[in-house]
C-alpha atoms as a PDB file:
ATOM      1  CA  MET A   1    -133.865-204.124   6.202  1.00  0.00           C
ATOM      2  CA  LYS A   2    -137.657-203.761   6.399  1.00  0.00           C
ATOM      3  CA  TYR A   3    -139.823-205.466   3.729  1.00  0.00           C
ATOM      4  CA  GLU A   4    -142.111-202.989   1.919  1.00  0.00           C
ATOM      5  CA  ARG A   5    -144.194-205.054  -0.605  1.00  0.00           C
ATOM      6  CA  ILE A   6    -144.333-208.260   1.313  1.00  0.00           C
ATOM      7  CA  GLU A   7    -145.053-209.629   4.677  1.00  0.00           C
ATOM      8  CA  VAL A   8    -142.228-212.561   5.413  1.00  0.00           C
ATOM      9  CA  ARG A   9    -143.216-214.432   8.563  1.00  0.00           C
ATOM     10  CA  PRO A  10    -140.624-217.295  10.160  1.00  0.00           C
ATOM     11  CA  ILE A  11    -141.745-220.572  10.889  1.00  0.00           C
ATOM     12  CA  ALA A  12    -138.213-221.597  12.589  1.00  0.00           C
ATOM     13  CA  GLY A  13    -135.069-220.663  13.827  1.00  0.00           C
ATOM     14  CA  ALA A  14    -132.901-222.152  11.558  1.00  0.00           C
ATOM     15  CA  CYS A  15    -134.825-221.684   8.018  1.00  0.00           C
ATOM     16  CA  GLY A  16    -137.886-221.123   6.382  1.00  0.00           C
ATOM     17  CA  ALA A  17    -140.266-218.377   6.066  1.00  0.00           C
ATOM     18  CA  GLU A  18    -144.062-218.016   4.709  1.00  0.00           C
ATOM     19  CA  VAL A  19    -144.168-215.054   2.339  1.00  0.00           C
ATOM     20  CA  HIS A  20    -147.763-213.177   2.081  1.00  0.00           C
ATOM     21  CA  GLY A  21    -149.107-210.409  -0.057  1.00  0.00           C
ATOM     22  CA  VAL A  22    -147.927-211.940  -3.364  1.00  0.00           C
ATOM     23  CA  ASP A  23    -150.094-213.609  -5.992  1.00  0.00           C
ATOM     24  CA  LEU A  24    -147.715-215.539  -8.104  1.00  0.00           C
ATOM     25  CA  ALA A  25    -150.367-215.836 -10.835  1.00  0.00           C
ATOM     26  CA  LYS A  26    -149.686-212.431 -11.547  1.00  0.00           C
ATOM     27  CA  PRO A  27    -146.677-210.909 -12.989  1.00  0.00           C
ATOM     28  CA  LEU A  28    -144.611-209.415 -10.416  1.00  0.00           C
ATOM     29  CA  ASP A  29    -143.256-205.608 -10.613  1.00  0.00           C
ATOM     30  CA  ASP A  30    -139.616-205.328 -10.173  1.00  0.00           C
ATOM     31  CA  ALA A  31    -139.469-203.925  -6.634  1.00  0.00           C
ATOM     32  CA  THR A  32    -141.934-207.123  -5.497  1.00  0.00           C
ATOM     33  CA  PHE A  33    -139.645-209.632  -7.149  1.00  0.00           C
ATOM     34  CA  ALA A  34    -136.755-208.107  -5.560  1.00  0.00           C
ATOM     35  CA  GLU A  35    -138.068-208.409  -2.014  1.00  0.00           C
ATOM     36  CA  VAL A  36    -139.110-211.937  -2.794  1.00  0.00           C
ATOM     37  CA  ARG A  37    -135.666-212.636  -4.069  1.00  0.00           C
ATOM     38  CA  ARG A  38    -134.234-211.309  -0.584  1.00  0.00           C
ATOM     39  CA  ALA A  39    -136.410-213.384   1.114  1.00  0.00           C
ATOM     40  CA  PHE A  40    -135.401-216.561  -0.567  1.00  0.00           C
ATOM     41  CA  ILE A  41    -131.758-215.533   0.260  1.00  0.00           C
ATOM     42  CA  GLU A  42    -132.137-214.879   3.675  1.00  0.00           C
ATOM     43  CA  ASN A  43    -134.598-217.503   4.457  1.00  0.00           C
ATOM     44  CA  LEU A  44    -133.035-220.473   2.537  1.00  0.00           C
ATOM     45  CA  VAL A  45    -136.909-221.803   1.814  1.00  0.00           C
ATOM     46  CA  ILE A  46    -139.776-219.575   1.085  1.00  0.00           C
ATOM     47  CA  PHE A  47    -143.464-220.588   1.440  1.00  0.00           C
ATOM     48  CA  PHE A  48    -146.740-219.296  -0.314  1.00  0.00           C
ATOM     49  CA  ARG A  49    -150.124-220.127   0.691  1.00  0.00           C
ATOM     50  CA  ASP A  50    -153.259-220.326  -0.827  1.00  0.00           C
ATOM     51  CA  GLN A  51    -151.873-219.824  -4.768  1.00  0.00           C
ATOM     52  CA  GLU A  52    -154.000-221.063  -7.775  1.00  0.00           C
ATOM     53  CA  ILE A  53    -151.688-221.016 -10.835  1.00  0.00           C
ATOM     54  CA  THR A  54    -151.243-222.598 -14.140  1.00  0.00           C
ATOM     55  CA  GLU A  55    -148.399-224.846 -15.600  1.00  0.00           C
ATOM     56  CA  GLU A  56    -147.292-221.829 -17.448  1.00  0.00           C
ATOM     57  CA  GLN A  57    -147.244-219.470 -14.514  1.00  0.00           C
ATOM     58  CA  HIS A  58    -145.530-222.140 -12.579  1.00  0.00           C
ATOM     59  CA  LYS A  59    -142.636-221.724 -15.456  1.00  0.00           C
ATOM     60  CA  ALA A  60    -143.068-218.036 -15.739  1.00  0.00           C
ATOM     61  CA  PHE A  61    -142.059-217.719 -12.046  1.00  0.00           C
ATOM     62  CA  GLY A  62    -139.554-220.051 -12.041  1.00  0.00           C
ATOM     63  CA  ARG A  63    -137.778-218.414 -15.271  1.00  0.00           C
ATOM     64  CA  LEU A  64    -137.538-215.011 -13.220  1.00  0.00           C
ATOM     65  CA  PHE A  65    -134.816-216.689 -11.220  1.00  0.00           C
ATOM     66  CA  GLY A  66    -133.049-218.424 -14.301  1.00  0.00           C
ATOM     67  CA  THR A  67    -133.338-221.114 -17.146  1.00  0.00           C
ATOM     68  CA  LEU A  68    -135.175-224.143 -16.111  1.00  0.00           C
ATOM     69  CA  ASN A  69    -134.081-227.795 -15.947  1.00  0.00           C
ATOM     70  CA  ILE A  70    -135.771-230.753 -17.668  1.00  0.00           C
ATOM     71  CA  HIS A  71    -135.234-233.509 -15.153  1.00  0.00           C
ATOM     72  CA  PRO A  72    -132.346-236.114 -16.671  1.00  0.00           C
ATOM     73  CA  ARG A  73    -134.329-239.294 -15.275  1.00  0.00           C
ATOM     74  CA  TYR A  74    -138.174-238.636 -14.619  1.00  0.00           C
ATOM     75  CA  MET A  75    -140.774-238.428 -16.803  1.00  0.00           C
ATOM     76  CA  PRO A  76    -141.860-234.878 -17.349  1.00  0.00           C
ATOM     77  CA  LEU A  77    -145.513-233.586 -17.177  1.00  0.00           C
ATOM     78  CA  GLU A  78    -147.011-234.162 -20.950  1.00  0.00           C
ATOM     79  CA  GLY A  79    -146.679-230.767 -22.474  1.00  0.00           C
ATOM     80  CA  HIS A  80    -144.364-229.322 -20.280  1.00  0.00           C
ATOM     81  CA  PRO A  81    -140.932-230.918 -20.313  1.00  0.00           C
ATOM     82  CA  GLU A  82    -139.872-228.337 -17.734  1.00  0.00           C
ATOM     83  CA  ILE A  83    -142.246-229.685 -15.168  1.00  0.00           C
ATOM     84  CA  PHE A  84    -141.729-232.763 -12.991  1.00  0.00           C
ATOM     85  CA  PRO A  85    -145.349-234.109 -11.858  1.00  0.00           C
ATOM     86  CA  ILE A  86    -144.350-235.705  -8.353  1.00  0.00           C
ATOM     87  CA  ARG A  87    -146.990-238.014  -7.773  1.00  0.00           C
ATOM     88  CA  LYS A  88    -148.230-240.591  -4.779  1.00  0.00           C
ATOM     89  CA  ASP A  89    -151.228-242.688  -5.347  1.00  0.00           C
ATOM     90  CA  PRO A  90    -153.075-244.548  -2.543  1.00  0.00           C
ATOM     91  CA  GLU A  91    -151.807-248.028  -3.789  1.00  0.00           C
ATOM     92  CA  HIS A  92    -148.239-246.833  -4.303  1.00  0.00           C
ATOM     93  CA  THR A  93    -145.824-247.181  -1.018  1.00  0.00           C
ATOM     94  CA  GLU A  94    -142.638-245.473  -2.325  1.00  0.00           C
ATOM     95  CA  ASN A  95    -142.665-241.092  -2.397  1.00  0.00           C
ATOM     96  CA  ILE A  96    -139.930-239.223  -4.233  1.00  0.00           C
ATOM     97  CA  GLY A  97    -137.661-237.601  -2.046  1.00  0.00           C
ATOM     98  CA  GLY A  98    -138.386-239.613   1.079  1.00  0.00           C
ATOM     99  CA  VAL A  99    -134.562-239.234   2.184  1.00  0.00           C
ATOM    100  CA  TRP A 100    -132.242-236.201   3.117  1.00  0.00           C
ATOM    101  CA  HIS A 101    -130.813-235.016  -0.157  1.00  0.00           C
ATOM    102  CA  SER A 102    -129.976-232.222  -2.559  1.00  0.00           C
ATOM    103  CA  ASP A 103    -131.140-231.988  -5.858  1.00  0.00           C
ATOM    104  CA  LEU A 104    -129.002-233.706  -8.877  1.00  0.00           C
ATOM    105  CA  THR A 105    -125.512-232.861  -7.359  1.00  0.00           C
ATOM    106  CA  HIS A 106    -124.246-235.302  -9.760  1.00  0.00           C
ATOM    107  CA  LEU A 107    -124.524-232.676 -12.528  1.00  0.00           C
ATOM    108  CA  PRO A 108    -121.558-230.212 -13.255  1.00  0.00           C
ATOM    109  CA  ALA A 109    -123.938-227.348 -12.474  1.00  0.00           C
ATOM    110  CA  PRO A 110    -126.675-228.578  -9.748  1.00  0.00           C
ATOM    111  CA  PRO A 111    -129.552-226.513  -9.389  1.00  0.00           C
ATOM    112  CA  LEU A 112    -129.917-223.527  -7.822  1.00  0.00           C
ATOM    113  CA  GLY A 113    -133.401-224.337  -6.432  1.00  0.00           C
ATOM    114  CA  SER A 114    -136.880-225.911  -6.895  1.00  0.00           C
ATOM    115  CA  ILE A 115    -140.520-224.882  -6.628  1.00  0.00           C
ATOM    116  CA  LEU A 116    -142.856-227.197  -5.694  1.00  0.00           C
ATOM    117  CA  TYR A 117    -147.025-226.711  -6.081  1.00  0.00           C
ATOM    118  CA  ALA A 118    -149.328-228.595  -4.280  1.00  0.00           C
ATOM    119  CA  LEU A 119    -152.428-229.899  -6.142  1.00  0.00           C
ATOM    120  CA  ASP A 120    -153.547-232.419  -3.589  1.00  0.00           C
ATOM    121  CA  VAL A 121    -152.544-233.447  -0.387  1.00  0.00           C
ATOM    122  CA  PRO A 122    -153.341-235.808   2.312  1.00  0.00           C
ATOM    123  CA  PRO A 123    -155.638-234.620   5.281  1.00  0.00           C
ATOM    124  CA  ALA A 124    -152.399-235.096   7.556  1.00  0.00           C
ATOM    125  CA  GLY A 125    -148.984-236.176   6.542  1.00  0.00           C
ATOM    126  CA  GLY A 126    -146.893-235.516   3.650  1.00  0.00           C
ATOM    127  CA  ASP A 127    -144.769-232.628   5.304  1.00  0.00           C
ATOM    128  CA  THR A 128    -141.421-231.988   3.851  1.00  0.00           C
ATOM    129  CA  MET A 129    -138.340-230.930   5.823  1.00  0.00           C
ATOM    130  CA  PHE A 130    -135.691-228.651   5.085  1.00  0.00           C
ATOM    131  CA  ALA A 131    -132.182-228.227   6.999  1.00  0.00           C
ATOM    132  CA  SER A 132    -129.788-225.387   6.851  1.00  0.00           C
ATOM    133  CA  GLN A 133    -126.009-226.031   5.488  1.00  0.00           C
ATOM    134  CA  TYR A 134    -124.930-223.132   7.048  1.00  0.00           C
ATOM    135  CA  LEU A 135    -126.168-224.118  10.345  1.00  0.00           C
ATOM    136  CA  ALA A 136    -124.478-227.318   9.708  1.00  0.00           C
ATOM    137  CA  TYR A 137    -121.147-226.143   8.428  1.00  0.00           C
ATOM    138  CA  GLU A 138    -120.812-223.367  11.221  1.00  0.00           C
ATOM    139  CA  ALA A 139    -121.504-225.866  13.674  1.00  0.00           C
ATOM    140  CA  LEU A 140    -118.557-228.231  13.039  1.00  0.00           C
ATOM    141  CA  SER A 141    -115.380-227.750  15.164  1.00  0.00           C
ATOM    142  CA  ASP A 142    -112.206-225.710  13.615  1.00  0.00           C
ATOM    143  CA  GLY A 143    -110.490-228.898  12.763  1.00  0.00           C
ATOM    144  CA  MET A 144    -113.064-230.585  10.807  1.00  0.00           C
ATOM    145  CA  LYS A 145    -113.533-226.954   8.818  1.00  0.00           C
ATOM    146  CA  ARG A 146    -109.498-227.243   8.107  1.00  0.00           C
ATOM    147  CA  MET A 147    -109.784-230.967   7.018  1.00  0.00           C
ATOM    148  CA  LEU A 148    -113.019-230.026   4.807  1.00  0.00           C
ATOM    149  CA  ALA A 149    -111.744-227.370   3.055  1.00  0.00           C
ATOM    150  CA  GLY A 150    -109.641-228.699   0.367  1.00  0.00           C
ATOM    151  CA  MET A 151    -111.710-232.132  -0.286  1.00  0.00           C
ATOM    152  CA  LYS A 152    -114.210-232.640  -3.095  1.00  0.00           C
ATOM    153  CA  GLY A 153    -116.809-235.193  -3.010  1.00  0.00           C
ATOM    154  CA  VAL A 154    -117.335-237.278  -5.998  1.00  0.00           C
ATOM    155  CA  HIS A 155    -121.512-237.327  -6.849  1.00  0.00           C
ATOM    156  CA  ASP A 156    -123.178-239.908  -8.939  1.00  0.00           C
ATOM    157  CA  ASN A 157    -126.885-240.745  -9.971  1.00  0.00           C
ATOM    158  CA  ARG A 158    -126.883-244.394  -9.135  1.00  0.00           C
ATOM    159  CA  ILE A 159    -130.401-243.806  -7.188  1.00  0.00           C
ATOM    160  CA  GLN A 160    -132.168-243.053 -10.518  1.00  0.00           C
ATOM    161  CA  SER A 161    -129.986-245.344 -12.953  1.00  0.00           C
ATOM    162  CA  ASN A 162    -131.599-247.637 -15.620  1.00  0.00           C
ATOM    163  CA  LYS A 163    -130.458-250.604 -12.724  1.00  0.00           C
ATOM    164  CA  VAL A 164    -132.927-249.579 -10.338  1.00  0.00           C
ATOM    165  CA  ALA A 165    -135.475-247.960 -12.536  1.00  0.00           C
ATOM    166  CA  SER A 166    -137.956-251.049 -12.880  1.00  0.00           C
ATOM    167  CA  GLU A 167    -137.947-252.090  -9.123  1.00  0.00           C
ATOM    168  CA  ARG A 168    -138.655-248.006  -8.483  1.00  0.00           C
ATOM    169  CA  ASN A 169    -141.182-247.891 -11.159  1.00  0.00           C
ATOM    170  CA  SER A 170    -143.222-250.554  -9.530  1.00  0.00           C
ATOM    171  CA  ALA A 171    -143.603-248.808  -6.238  1.00  0.00           C
ATOM    172  CA  ARG A 172    -143.951-245.376  -7.611  1.00  0.00           C
ATOM    173  CA  SER A 173    -146.570-242.998  -9.219  1.00  0.00           C
ATOM    174  CA  SER A 174    -143.822-240.892 -10.835  1.00  0.00           C
ATOM    175  CA  LYS A 175    -141.651-243.128 -13.348  1.00  0.00           C
ATOM    176  CA  LEU A 176    -137.972-242.923 -14.088  1.00  0.00           C
ATOM    177  CA  ARG A 177    -137.248-243.037 -17.633  1.00  0.00           C
ATOM    178  CA  GLN A 178    -135.862-246.415 -18.842  1.00  0.00           C
ATOM    179  CA  ASP A 179    -134.008-245.107 -22.359  1.00  0.00           C
ATOM    180  CA  ASN A 180    -130.492-243.955 -21.243  1.00  0.00           C
ATOM    181  CA  GLN A 181    -128.205-246.493 -22.280  1.00  0.00           C
ATOM    182  CA  GLU A 182    -125.708-245.132 -19.977  1.00  0.00           C
ATOM    183  CA  ASP A 183    -125.891-243.782 -16.221  1.00  0.00           C
ATOM    184  CA  GLU A 184    -124.897-240.290 -15.540  1.00  0.00           C
ATOM    185  CA  PRO A 185    -121.161-240.036 -14.834  1.00  0.00           C
ATOM    186  CA  GLU A 186    -119.357-239.075 -11.621  1.00  0.00           C
ATOM    187  CA  CYS A 187    -118.873-235.394 -10.837  1.00  0.00           C
ATOM    188  CA  GLU A 188    -116.400-233.655  -8.585  1.00  0.00           C
ATOM    189  CA  HIS A 189    -117.844-230.603  -6.077  1.00  0.00           C
ATOM    190  CA  PRO A 190    -116.173-229.120  -2.994  1.00  0.00           C
ATOM    191  CA  VAL A 191    -117.251-230.545   0.129  1.00  0.00           C
ATOM    192  CA  VAL A 192    -117.906-226.983   1.651  1.00  0.00           C
ATOM    193  CA  VAL A 193    -118.901-224.480  -1.196  1.00  0.00           C
ATOM    194  CA  THR A 194    -119.615-220.713  -0.837  1.00  0.00           C
ATOM    195  CA  HIS A 195    -122.925-219.585  -1.868  1.00  0.00           C
ATOM    196  CA  PRO A 196    -122.668-217.126  -5.011  1.00  0.00           C
ATOM    197  CA  GLU A 197    -125.303-214.442  -3.429  1.00  0.00           C
ATOM    198  CA  SER A 198    -125.043-214.600  -0.053  1.00  0.00           C
ATOM    199  CA  GLY A 199    -121.391-215.322   0.471  1.00  0.00           C
ATOM    200  CA  ARG A 200    -121.815-217.740   3.440  1.00  0.00           C
ATOM    201  CA  LYS A 201    -120.043-221.618   3.510  1.00  0.00           C
ATOM    202  CA  ALA A 202    -122.181-224.529   3.745  1.00  0.00           C
ATOM    203  CA  LEU A 203    -121.322-228.222   3.391  1.00  0.00           C
ATOM    204  CA  PHE A 204    -122.503-229.562   0.201  1.00  0.00           C
ATOM    205  CA  VAL A 205    -122.741-233.401   0.599  1.00  0.00           C
ATOM    206  CA  ASN A 206    -125.609-236.067   0.606  1.00  0.00           C
ATOM    207  CA  ILE A 207    -126.189-239.380   1.558  1.00  0.00           C
ATOM    208  CA  ILE A 208    -127.751-240.465  -2.162  1.00  0.00           C
ATOM    209  CA  ARG A 209    -125.382-238.933  -4.330  1.00  0.00           C
ATOM    210  CA  THR A 210    -122.116-238.555  -2.204  1.00  0.00           C
ATOM    211  CA  HIS A 211    -120.455-241.970  -2.227  1.00  0.00           C
ATOM    212  CA  ARG A 212    -116.887-241.108  -1.570  1.00  0.00           C
ATOM    213  CA  PHE A 213    -114.067-238.419  -1.321  1.00  0.00           C
ATOM    214  CA  ALA A 214    -111.832-237.660  -4.684  1.00  0.00           C
ATOM    215  CA  GLY A 215    -108.775-239.666  -4.167  1.00  0.00           C
ATOM    216  CA  MET A 216    -110.205-242.273  -1.722  1.00  0.00           C
ATOM    217  CA  THR A 217    -112.312-245.428  -1.909  1.00  0.00           C
ATOM    218  CA  GLU A 218    -115.937-245.672  -0.428  1.00  0.00           C
ATOM    219  CA  ASP A 219    -115.115-247.897   2.052  1.00  0.00           C
ATOM    220  CA  GLU A 220    -112.772-245.153   3.375  1.00  0.00           C
ATOM    221  CA  SER A 221    -115.125-242.286   2.638  1.00  0.00           C
ATOM    222  CA  ARG A 222    -118.267-243.755   4.084  1.00  0.00           C
ATOM    223  CA  PRO A 223    -117.703-242.888   7.767  1.00  0.00           C
ATOM    224  CA  LEU A 224    -116.977-239.513   7.566  1.00  0.00           C
ATOM    225  CA  ILE A 225    -119.918-238.901   4.760  1.00  0.00           C
ATOM    226  CA  LYS A 226    -122.287-240.924   7.324  1.00  0.00           C
ATOM    227  CA  TYR A 227    -121.174-238.522  10.084  1.00  0.00           C
ATOM    228  CA  LEU A 228    -121.366-235.421   7.837  1.00  0.00           C
ATOM    229  CA  CYS A 229    -124.941-236.240   6.820  1.00  0.00           C
ATOM    230  CA  ASP A 230    -126.049-237.269   9.863  1.00  0.00           C
ATOM    231  CA  HIS A 231    -124.703-233.948  11.701  1.00  0.00           C
ATOM    232  CA  ALA A 232    -126.313-231.885   8.805  1.00  0.00           C
ATOM    233  CA  THR A 233    -129.845-232.617   9.364  1.00  0.00           C
ATOM    234  CA  ARG A 234    -129.581-232.012  13.140  1.00  0.00           C
ATOM    235  CA  PRO A 235    -133.241-230.974  14.695  1.00  0.00           C
ATOM    236  CA  GLU A 236    -132.073-227.393  15.534  1.00  0.00           C
ATOM    237  CA  PHE A 237    -130.674-226.665  11.895  1.00  0.00           C
ATOM    238  CA  THR A 238    -134.166-227.958  10.207  1.00  0.00           C
ATOM    239  CA  CYS A 239    -137.922-226.810   9.553  1.00  0.00           C
ATOM    240  CA  ARG A 240    -141.089-228.357   8.762  1.00  0.00           C
ATOM    241  CA  PHE A 241    -143.736-227.463   6.143  1.00  0.00           C
ATOM    242  CA  ARG A 242    -147.310-228.613   6.395  1.00  0.00           C
ATOM    243  CA  TRP A 243    -148.509-228.428   2.934  1.00  0.00           C
ATOM    244  CA  GLU A 244    -152.014-227.322   2.012  1.00  0.00           C
ATOM    245  CA  LYS A 245    -153.596-227.257  -1.347  1.00  0.00           C
ATOM    246  CA  GLY A 246    -152.341-224.817  -3.358  1.00  0.00           C
ATOM    247  CA  SER A 247    -149.167-224.110  -1.287  1.00  0.00           C
ATOM    248  CA  ILE A 248    -145.814-223.656  -2.778  1.00  0.00           C
ATOM    249  CA  ALA A 249    -142.436-224.100  -1.467  1.00  0.00           C
ATOM    250  CA  PHE A 250    -139.455-222.727  -2.996  1.00  0.00           C
ATOM    251  CA  TRP A 251    -135.939-224.092  -1.713  1.00  0.00           C
ATOM    252  CA  ASP A 252    -132.360-223.154  -2.383  1.00  0.00           C
ATOM    253  CA  ASN A 253    -130.325-226.208  -3.530  1.00  0.00           C
ATOM    254  CA  ARG A 254    -126.904-224.594  -2.643  1.00  0.00           C
ATOM    255  CA  CYS A 255    -127.274-224.220   0.758  1.00  0.00           C
ATOM    256  CA  VAL A 256    -130.189-226.698   1.996  1.00  0.00           C
ATOM    257  CA  MET A 257    -131.184-230.359   2.022  1.00  0.00           C
ATOM    258  CA  HIS A 258    -134.678-231.385   1.981  1.00  0.00           C
ATOM    259  CA  TYR A 259    -136.774-234.570   2.982  1.00  0.00           C
ATOM    260  CA  ALA A 260    -140.419-235.432   2.155  1.00  0.00           C
ATOM    261  CA  LEU A 261    -141.922-237.539   4.694  1.00  0.00           C
ATOM    262  CA  ASN A 262    -143.953-240.594   3.417  1.00  0.00           C
ATOM    263  CA  ASP A 263    -146.406-240.819   6.305  1.00  0.00           C
ATOM    264  CA  TYR A 264    -150.003-241.100   4.449  1.00  0.00           C
ATOM    265  CA  PRO A 265    -150.884-244.336   3.474  1.00  0.00           C
ATOM    266  CA  GLY A 266    -153.512-244.788   1.416  1.00  0.00           C
ATOM    267  CA  TYR A 267    -153.807-241.122   0.273  1.00  0.00           C
ATOM    268  CA  ARG A 268    -152.781-239.045  -2.526  1.00  0.00           C
ATOM    269  CA  ARG A 269    -150.454-236.544  -3.013  1.00  0.00           C
ATOM    270  CA  TYR A 270    -149.781-234.895  -6.119  1.00  0.00           C
ATOM    271  CA  MET A 271    -147.174-232.061  -6.512  1.00  0.00           C
ATOM    272  CA  ASN A 272    -146.041-230.026  -9.607  1.00  0.00           C
ATOM    273  CA  ARG A 273    -142.058-228.964  -9.648  1.00  0.00           C
ATOM    274  CA  VAL A 274    -140.126-226.998 -11.737  1.00  0.00           C
ATOM    275  CA  THR A 275    -136.492-226.628 -11.131  1.00  0.00           C
ATOM    276  CA  VAL A 276    -134.044-223.545 -11.782  1.00  0.00           C
ATOM    277  CA  ASP A 277    -130.492-224.152 -13.432  1.00  0.00           C
ATOM    278  CA  GLY A 278    -127.659-223.403 -11.268  1.00  0.00           C
ATOM    279  CA  THR A 279    -123.761-222.962 -11.574  1.00  0.00           C
ATOM    280  CA  ARG A 280    -121.032-224.773 -10.823  1.00  0.00           C
ATOM    281  CA  PRO A 281    -120.307-224.904  -7.017  1.00  0.00           C
ATOM    282  CA  VAL A 282    -116.910-223.262  -5.913  1.00  0.00           C
END
């Protein structure tokens, strides 16, 4: 179906499209919003260029898609608990998101998606990659699909636990809170999920939060988890987005994984992220 209010330019065959003709500093009429939402569902991740939005406008755009998540571990932007400031200063070595992953899959209802706004970017580097988990699932053999159909992955948040917070904080500009006395509990989700809007099936495991399968040990689970995560990020399933100041990326956490490249030593990269709450995967 043709778009009437916006222009949608795919950037890769697997996923990802730039959306033009939209100023997110202004309210979207119903017809334009419907097309933006359709572009999001059809392309899995959409990008906007040359935007200039305030924190309130950033949150307002996110709320068009649902309620906003307050990150359970990272320090929020002062005065805006719904905004997660993703920062990397020249003196720090670690970035946020420098491994293929889906966001917050240890929660009972992981996010629908996240909207990332570029405030300051390096002259080169710092791109973000995205991988279609629809294509990852569809490329599996029929035998593997049958085996995975009844399996559940056990997700946890040990990567952001109190035990590792101090070490990570020393190497990062964005800081983990250390006021939690207990780590987040484990949560089970299907290994193969059905997207609630597109109806397509997608893989739903990631290397940083899926450490075993229900009813199995970590040692038993590790080879298959590694295989699935390696398979899920094959180059032909991906797109790569080069940031500019004022760029916005909005990815569907239910059907893509993402990876923030850490290839800009000595430069600053500042982003603000709003995350939209989702529903329990089925």
